[in-house]
């Protein structure tokens, strides 16, 4: 029995060692001993390396070019008063791009009736007509009043108007006085435009016969209370260098007036208004008025329409 057990144990040991050998790792592969050149399509020595990519020339692409020192800064605009060093051409704005088409307009800033504290009524007007382009135009202006009693005063002016900047026009022309008294003719030179805060200013100097000179100043401002309701204060003053008794005008500051108007724009072209005006004569002009039985100062209510087409 002992001999049989020993024989069985030896057999079991041999089977165990055989199984372990079957699971052992294979020997390492010797790549150096392998002849790759003998394998078709695997001749690495015949393969040439891929060429390196060409260097990118950034200078040729314009990335390194410095900006033109003569070009205006990005986002800048020409000076509105023409005082800047750069003209419109440097910004690519050329005369043929501007609005040179001829157009026309008729505008009556005031056309209505007034009634003063003495109960006298009058027709009051202040209008203009122009024809031309944005830079050069013919301009005709007229303003005055005609009283219900028959007296009247006013003036008619004709100008060549030339734009010297986007907001200012030079005017050269003539004026004729109309109404009661002798008719006077004047050469006229003026400037018209917008002050800061959108204040409209008209200043005109006159030279007449017999050494007469005069200066007229008008300023007004439109205050928008709503999109349609607009309040307009207006100041006017007249000065003369020489007396003109036949027309009741003294030298120096002659007259000054303030009007306050409130208009409602039914459309942009048509706007009824109500208002009040205050007028005062000064110096020798006031004395002439007193001698003629008229008041030195006057207050009146006004109603009318402002329209244009």
Protein backbone atom coordinates (compact mmCIF):
# COMPACT_ATOMS: atom_id res chain seq x y z
CA UNK A 1 0.00 0.00 0.00
CA UNK A 2 2.83 2.34 0.82
CA UNK A 3 4.41 1.78 -2.55
CA UNK A 4 1.09 2.55 -4.32
CA UNK A 5 0.62 5.79 -2.38
CA UNK A 6 4.15 6.91 -3.27
CA UNK A 7 3.47 6.18 -6.93
CA UNK A 8 0.23 8.16 -6.93
CA UNK A 9 1.98 11.11 -5.27
CA UNK A 10 4.73 11.11 -7.89
CA UNK A 11 2.16 11.14 -10.71
CA UNK A 12 0.27 14.06 -9.14
CA UNK A 13 3.49 16.06 -8.79
CA UNK A 14 4.38 15.45 -12.44
CA UNK A 15 0.94 16.62 -13.60
CA UNK A 16 1.23 19.78 -11.49
CA UNK A 17 4.66 20.72 -12.91
CA UNK A 18 3.41 20.14 -16.51
CA UNK A 19 0.47 22.48 -16.05
CA UNK A 20 2.74 25.21 -14.63
CA UNK A 21 5.06 24.99 -17.66
CA UNK A 22 2.18 25.39 -20.07
CA UNK A 23 1.24 28.73 -18.45
CA UNK A 24 4.79 30.17 -18.39
CA UNK A 25 5.49 33.59 -20.36
CA UNK A 26 6.94 33.22 -23.87
CA UNK A 27 10.53 34.39 -24.46
CA UNK A 28 11.04 38.10 -25.28
CA UNK A 29 10.99 38.95 -29.00
CA UNK A 30 14.36 40.12 -30.35
CA UNK A 31 13.43 42.98 -32.71
CA UNK A 32 17.07 43.49 -33.62
CA UNK A 33 17.20 40.01 -35.03
CA UNK A 34 14.19 40.66 -37.25
CA UNK A 35 14.97 41.70 -40.85
CA UNK A 36 12.36 44.34 -41.60
CA UNK A 37 13.83 44.99 -45.04
CA UNK A 38 12.80 41.51 -46.10
CA UNK A 39 9.15 42.31 -45.34
CA UNK A 40 7.29 43.81 -48.32
CA UNK A 41 6.27 47.48 -47.85
CA UNK A 42 8.21 47.79 -44.62
CA UNK A 43 11.53 49.31 -45.85
CA UNK A 44 11.75 52.16 -43.32
CA UNK A 45 15.17 53.14 -44.61
CA UNK A 46 13.67 54.06 -47.97
CA UNK A 47 11.13 56.34 -46.34
CA UNK A 48 12.14 60.09 -46.36
CA UNK A 49 11.06 62.40 -43.54
CA UNK A 50 8.13 64.77 -44.21
CA UNK A 51 9.23 68.33 -45.07
CA UNK A 52 8.85 70.94 -42.28
CA UNK A 53 6.03 73.50 -42.80
CA UNK A 54 7.12 76.83 -44.23
CA UNK A 55 7.39 79.68 -41.69
CA UNK A 56 4.38 82.07 -41.74
CA UNK A 57 5.33 85.57 -42.92
CA UNK A 58 3.22 87.82 -40.67
CA UNK A 59 4.78 90.95 -42.13
CA UNK A 60 3.52 90.00 -45.59
CA UNK A 61 0.02 89.64 -44.17
CA UNK A 62 0.02 93.25 -42.96
CA UNK A 63 -0.35 92.41 -39.28
CA UNK A 64 2.91 94.11 -38.46
CA UNK A 65 2.25 97.25 -40.51
CA UNK A 66 1.88 100.39 -38.44
CA UNK A 67 -1.33 102.42 -38.95
CA UNK A 68 -1.14 105.43 -41.25
CA UNK A 69 -0.16 108.35 -39.07
CA UNK A 70 -2.06 110.73 -41.38
CA UNK A 71 -5.37 108.88 -40.97
CA UNK A 72 -7.88 110.41 -38.52
CA UNK A 73 -8.45 108.47 -35.28
CA UNK A 74 -11.14 105.81 -35.43
CA UNK A 75 -14.48 107.24 -34.32
CA UNK A 76 -13.48 110.90 -34.73
CA UNK A 77 -15.52 113.44 -36.71
CA UNK A 78 -14.71 116.69 -38.51
CA UNK A 79 -14.91 119.87 -36.44
CA UNK A 80 -18.41 121.35 -36.77
CA UNK A 81 -17.09 124.92 -36.75
CA UNK A 82 -14.44 124.32 -39.41
CA UNK A 83 -11.61 125.22 -37.02
CA UNK A 84 -10.04 121.76 -36.95
CA UNK A 85 -6.81 120.89 -38.75
CA UNK A 86 -8.47 118.17 -40.82
CA UNK A 87 -10.96 118.92 -43.56
CA UNK A 88 -13.89 116.81 -44.63
CA UNK A 89 -11.79 115.19 -47.38
CA UNK A 90 -9.56 113.41 -44.85
CA UNK A 91 -12.66 111.65 -43.50
CA UNK A 92 -13.81 110.48 -46.90
CA UNK A 93 -16.54 113.13 -47.05
CA UNK A 94 -16.40 114.89 -50.41
CA UNK A 95 -18.41 117.82 -51.77
CA UNK A 96 -20.35 115.59 -54.17
CA UNK A 97 -21.67 113.67 -51.15
CA UNK A 98 -23.24 116.78 -49.60
CA UNK A 99 -26.79 117.96 -50.22
CA UNK A 100 -26.43 120.38 -53.13
CA UNK A 101 -29.88 119.83 -54.60
CA UNK A 102 -31.97 123.00 -54.92
CA UNK A 103 -35.07 123.15 -52.73
CA UNK A 104 -37.37 125.86 -51.40
CA UNK A 105 -39.50 126.68 -48.36
CA UNK A 106 -42.01 129.25 -47.16
CA UNK A 107 -42.12 129.73 -43.38
CA UNK A 108 -44.23 132.12 -41.32
CA UNK A 109 -43.02 132.03 -37.73
CA UNK A 110 -45.81 134.47 -36.81
CA UNK A 111 -49.00 135.26 -38.68
CA UNK A 112 -51.90 136.48 -36.59
CA UNK A 113 -53.50 139.34 -34.71
CA UNK A 114 -52.51 141.31 -31.62
CA UNK A 115 -54.54 143.41 -29.22
CA UNK A 116 -52.79 145.92 -26.98
CA UNK A 117 -53.90 147.34 -23.64
CA UNK A 118 -55.40 150.38 -25.40
CA UNK A 119 -57.80 148.07 -27.23
CA UNK A 120 -56.14 148.50 -30.61
CA UNK A 121 -55.88 145.52 -32.95
CA UNK A 122 -53.16 144.84 -35.48
CA UNK A 123 -52.10 142.25 -38.04
CA UNK A 124 -48.68 140.86 -37.12
CA UNK A 125 -46.40 138.86 -39.42
CA UNK A 126 -42.86 137.48 -39.53
CA UNK A 127 -42.05 135.24 -42.48
CA UNK A 128 -39.38 134.13 -44.93
CA UNK A 129 -38.93 132.39 -48.25
CA UNK A 130 -35.78 130.72 -49.48
CA UNK A 131 -34.67 128.88 -52.58
CA UNK A 132 -31.35 127.14 -53.17
CA UNK A 133 -29.01 124.49 -51.83
CA UNK A 134 -27.68 123.75 -48.36
CA UNK A 135 -24.69 126.03 -48.99
CA UNK A 136 -26.04 128.88 -51.14
CA UNK A 137 -29.56 130.21 -51.34
CA UNK A 138 -31.74 133.22 -52.08
CA UNK A 139 -33.45 134.41 -48.89
CA UNK A 140 -36.33 136.88 -48.61
CA UNK A 141 -37.57 137.99 -45.17
CA UNK A 142 -40.37 140.30 -44.09
CA UNK A 143 -41.81 141.35 -40.73
CA UNK A 144 -44.03 144.10 -39.41
CA UNK A 145 -47.53 144.99 -38.30
CA UNK A 146 -50.52 146.83 -39.70
CA UNK A 147 -52.79 148.54 -37.19
CA UNK A 148 -56.55 148.58 -37.52
CA UNK A 149 -56.44 152.40 -37.53
CA UNK A 150 -54.41 152.41 -40.74
CA UNK A 151 -50.86 152.89 -39.44
CA UNK A 152 -48.22 150.33 -40.23
CA UNK A 153 -44.52 149.64 -40.06
CA UNK A 154 -42.38 146.86 -41.43
CA UNK A 155 -39.48 145.88 -43.61
CA UNK A 156 -38.64 143.58 -46.53
CA UNK A 157 -35.15 142.12 -46.95
CA UNK A 158 -33.45 140.13 -49.68
CA UNK A 159 -30.20 138.22 -49.15
CA UNK A 160 -27.72 135.89 -50.72
CA UNK A 161 -27.08 133.44 -47.89
CA UNK A 162 -23.91 131.33 -47.80
CA UNK A 163 -23.17 128.55 -45.28
CA UNK A 164 -19.75 129.04 -43.67
CA UNK A 165 -20.17 126.08 -41.27
CA UNK A 166 -22.85 123.47 -40.56
CA UNK A 167 -24.66 125.90 -38.21
CA UNK A 168 -23.85 129.42 -39.46
CA UNK A 169 -24.75 131.43 -42.57
CA UNK A 170 -23.37 134.72 -43.83
CA UNK A 171 -25.93 136.99 -45.51
CA UNK A 172 -25.41 139.87 -47.93
CA UNK A 173 -28.27 141.87 -49.39
CA UNK A 174 -30.59 144.85 -49.03
CA UNK A 175 -33.50 146.07 -46.92
CA UNK A 176 -36.41 148.38 -47.63
CA UNK A 177 -38.53 149.97 -44.93
CA UNK A 178 -42.27 150.00 -45.60
CA UNK A 179 -45.29 151.48 -43.84
CA UNK A 180 -45.94 154.92 -42.46
CA UNK A 181 -43.31 157.56 -43.26
CA UNK A 182 -40.69 157.78 -46.00
CA UNK A 183 -39.31 154.57 -47.47
CA UNK A 184 -35.68 153.92 -46.61
CA UNK A 185 -33.26 151.65 -48.46
CA UNK A 186 -30.30 149.95 -46.81
CA UNK A 187 -27.40 147.71 -47.74
CA UNK A 188 -27.39 144.78 -45.34
CA UNK A 189 -24.80 142.35 -44.01
CA UNK A 190 -25.66 139.72 -41.41
CA UNK A 191 -24.96 136.40 -39.79
CA UNK A 192 -27.53 133.81 -38.76
CA UNK A 193 -27.15 130.52 -36.94
CA UNK A 194 -27.35 128.43 -33.79
CA UNK A 195 -25.72 129.26 -30.48
CA UNK A 196 -25.10 126.58 -27.84
CA UNK A 197 -28.30 125.09 -26.38
CA UNK A 198 -30.03 125.59 -29.79
CA UNK A 199 -30.58 129.33 -29.39
CA UNK A 200 -31.30 130.83 -32.81
CA UNK A 201 -29.55 134.14 -33.43
CA UNK A 202 -29.91 136.72 -36.22
CA UNK A 203 -27.65 139.78 -36.30
CA UNK A 204 -27.77 142.22 -39.23
CA UNK A 205 -25.92 145.50 -39.79
CA UNK A 206 -27.27 148.14 -42.20
CA UNK A 207 -25.82 151.12 -44.05
CA UNK A 208 -28.18 153.64 -45.65
CA UNK A 209 -28.08 156.96 -47.43
CA UNK A 210 -27.09 160.20 -45.66
CA UNK A 211 -24.75 158.30 -43.33
CA UNK A 212 -27.47 156.24 -41.70
CA UNK A 213 -26.47 153.02 -39.93
CA UNK A 214 -28.45 150.46 -37.96
CA UNK A 215 -28.14 147.13 -36.19
CA UNK A 216 -30.90 144.56 -35.60
CA UNK A 217 -30.59 141.60 -33.23
CA UNK A 218 -33.05 138.77 -32.73
CA UNK A 219 -32.74 135.64 -30.57
CA UNK A 220 -35.27 132.90 -29.90
CA UNK A 221 -35.39 129.46 -28.33
CA UNK A 222 -37.84 126.57 -28.74
CA UNK A 223 -38.49 124.73 -25.48
CA UNK A 224 -40.33 121.45 -26.09
CA UNK A 225 -42.74 120.85 -23.23
CA UNK A 226 -44.12 117.79 -25.03
CA UNK A 227 -43.70 116.37 -28.51
CA UNK A 228 -46.33 118.84 -29.77
CA UNK A 229 -46.46 121.66 -27.21
CA UNK A 230 -43.61 124.17 -27.65
CA UNK A 231 -42.84 127.34 -25.69
CA UNK A 232 -40.89 130.05 -27.55
CA UNK A 233 -39.39 133.15 -25.92
CA UNK A 234 -38.07 135.75 -28.39
CA UNK A 235 -35.95 138.87 -27.84
CA UNK A 236 -35.48 141.70 -30.36
CA UNK A 237 -33.53 144.96 -30.27
CA UNK A 238 -32.90 147.74 -32.81
CA UNK A 239 -30.13 150.33 -32.70
CA UNK A 240 -29.53 153.31 -35.01
CA UNK A 241 -26.47 155.45 -35.55
CA UNK A 242 -28.38 158.56 -36.60
CA UNK A 243 -31.74 160.15 -35.86
CA UNK A 244 -34.55 159.90 -38.39
CA UNK A 245 -37.37 162.15 -37.13
CA UNK A 246 -39.53 161.53 -40.20
CA UNK A 247 -39.87 157.91 -39.15
CA UNK A 248 -39.84 158.62 -35.40
CA UNK A 249 -36.46 156.99 -34.80
CA UNK A 250 -33.76 158.30 -32.46
CA UNK A 251 -30.08 157.42 -32.30
CA UNK A 252 -28.74 154.70 -30.03
CA UNK A 253 -30.95 151.93 -28.66
CA UNK A 254 -34.31 152.55 -30.29
CA UNK A 255 -36.67 149.67 -29.41
CA UNK A 256 -36.61 146.40 -27.53
CA UNK A 257 -39.24 143.69 -27.28
CA UNK A 258 -39.91 140.36 -25.63
CA UNK A 259 -42.56 137.92 -26.79
CA UNK A 260 -43.63 134.64 -25.21
CA UNK A 261 -45.55 132.22 -27.42
CA UNK A 262 -47.01 128.78 -26.77
CA UNK A 263 -47.84 126.75 -29.86
CA UNK A 264 -49.41 123.37 -30.44
CA UNK A 265 -48.22 121.47 -33.51
CA UNK A 266 -51.28 119.84 -35.03
CA UNK A 267 -48.78 118.77 -37.66
CA UNK A 268 -45.17 119.85 -38.09
CA UNK A 269 -46.36 122.21 -40.82
CA UNK A 270 -49.26 123.83 -38.94
CA UNK A 271 -49.22 125.08 -35.35
CA UNK A 272 -51.68 127.56 -33.75
CA UNK A 273 -50.19 129.74 -31.00
CA UNK A 274 -51.17 132.07 -28.17
CA UNK A 275 -48.84 134.54 -26.51
CA UNK A 276 -48.06 137.91 -25.03
CA UNK A 277 -45.57 140.58 -26.09
CA UNK A 278 -43.88 143.48 -24.31
CA UNK A 279 -42.35 146.37 -26.26
CA UNK A 280 -40.52 149.47 -25.11
CA UNK A 281 -39.07 152.47 -26.89
CA UNK A 282 -35.91 154.14 -25.61
CA UNK A 283 -34.16 157.50 -25.82
CA UNK A 284 -35.16 159.91 -28.54
CA UNK A 285 -37.42 157.27 -30.10
CA UNK A 286 -39.53 157.27 -26.90
CA UNK A 287 -39.68 161.07 -27.01
CA UNK A 288 -40.91 161.02 -30.61
CA UNK A 289 -43.61 158.52 -29.61
CA UNK A 290 -44.76 160.71 -26.69
CA UNK A 291 -44.92 163.78 -28.95
CA UNK A 292 -47.13 161.80 -31.36
CA UNK A 293 -49.47 160.75 -28.51
CA UNK A 294 -48.28 157.13 -28.45
CA UNK A 295 -47.12 155.12 -25.47
CA UNK A 296 -43.45 154.58 -24.69
CA UNK A 297 -44.19 150.94 -23.82
CA UNK A 298 -46.89 148.55 -24.87
CA UNK A 299 -48.22 145.15 -23.85
CA UNK A 300 -50.30 143.02 -26.19
CA UNK A 301 -51.80 139.56 -26.42
CA UNK A 302 -51.38 137.63 -29.64
CA UNK A 303 -53.00 134.72 -31.43
CA UNK A 304 -52.17 133.20 -34.77
CA UNK A 305 -50.60 130.30 -36.60
CA UNK A 306 -47.10 129.21 -37.44
CA UNK A 307 -46.96 127.35 -40.75
CA UNK A 308 -44.57 126.28 -43.45
CA UNK A 309 -44.63 124.42 -46.74
